[in-house]
């Protein structure tokens, strides 16, 4: 004789086991999906930060070239060749503080229609990210120095907010989605500072440069550009920095 009550009890236990297994599987899928989403976000933030670091290098190299041939005057569409020079080292050691060029650290900006954020103070993040820089030498005269701008009367150590640049670009003719993207990009900064390394050799090769060009070495001056991209998340622990460097050699004459 079959006990119907026993069958009912077994069916209930089996149902509970299956429900528990399905709940665990569902929870695991949520955790995996959340992890993938966070991983994608981190990957996107790193990529954007890397692009910002590349821009920092390009802007630093552009600064050196402009100093060599003379700064561009947008009003007259000519170069001010009278100001052409190869910048010298600053007389004082560099301590890492950046000069903000297009934003004010700590000031608020609209991140969304209902949320404000603040521009972060990057302090000496970029400077400290380069571990090989000699910043603690007992001999003060041997510590790291940036080049000096005689026009600005300051060290060449510049910090820009990427979103502000885009916002100014899209202000008059940009589409709504471009303006929204500019707001999002205000979380990203690029910074550069420049060191004058010293004497180096340059080469000019090929008739496309000058009819009498040769491969003879010429005396030049080498500069090292240190560039950083920074993701300025609201929480300091979530911030990200990518550091790059390049060397530029320019002829003395």
Foldseek 3Di string as FASTA:
>chain_A
DDDVVVVVVVVVVVVVVVVVVVVVVVVVVVVVVVVVVVVVVVVVLVVLFVVLQVVQQVVVVVVQVCLQQAHADPVVRDGPNVRRDRFDWDQFADPQAADEDQDDFQDWDDLDPPDIDGHHRCGRVLVVVPPPAAQPPPDRRPHFTFTADPVVRGFQKYKYQQLRVQCVVQVPPHDPVSNNVSSVSSQKMKIKTKGWPAKDWDADDDCVVPVPGDRDIAIWTKMKMKMKMKRNDPDPVPIDMDIDMDMDIDHRD
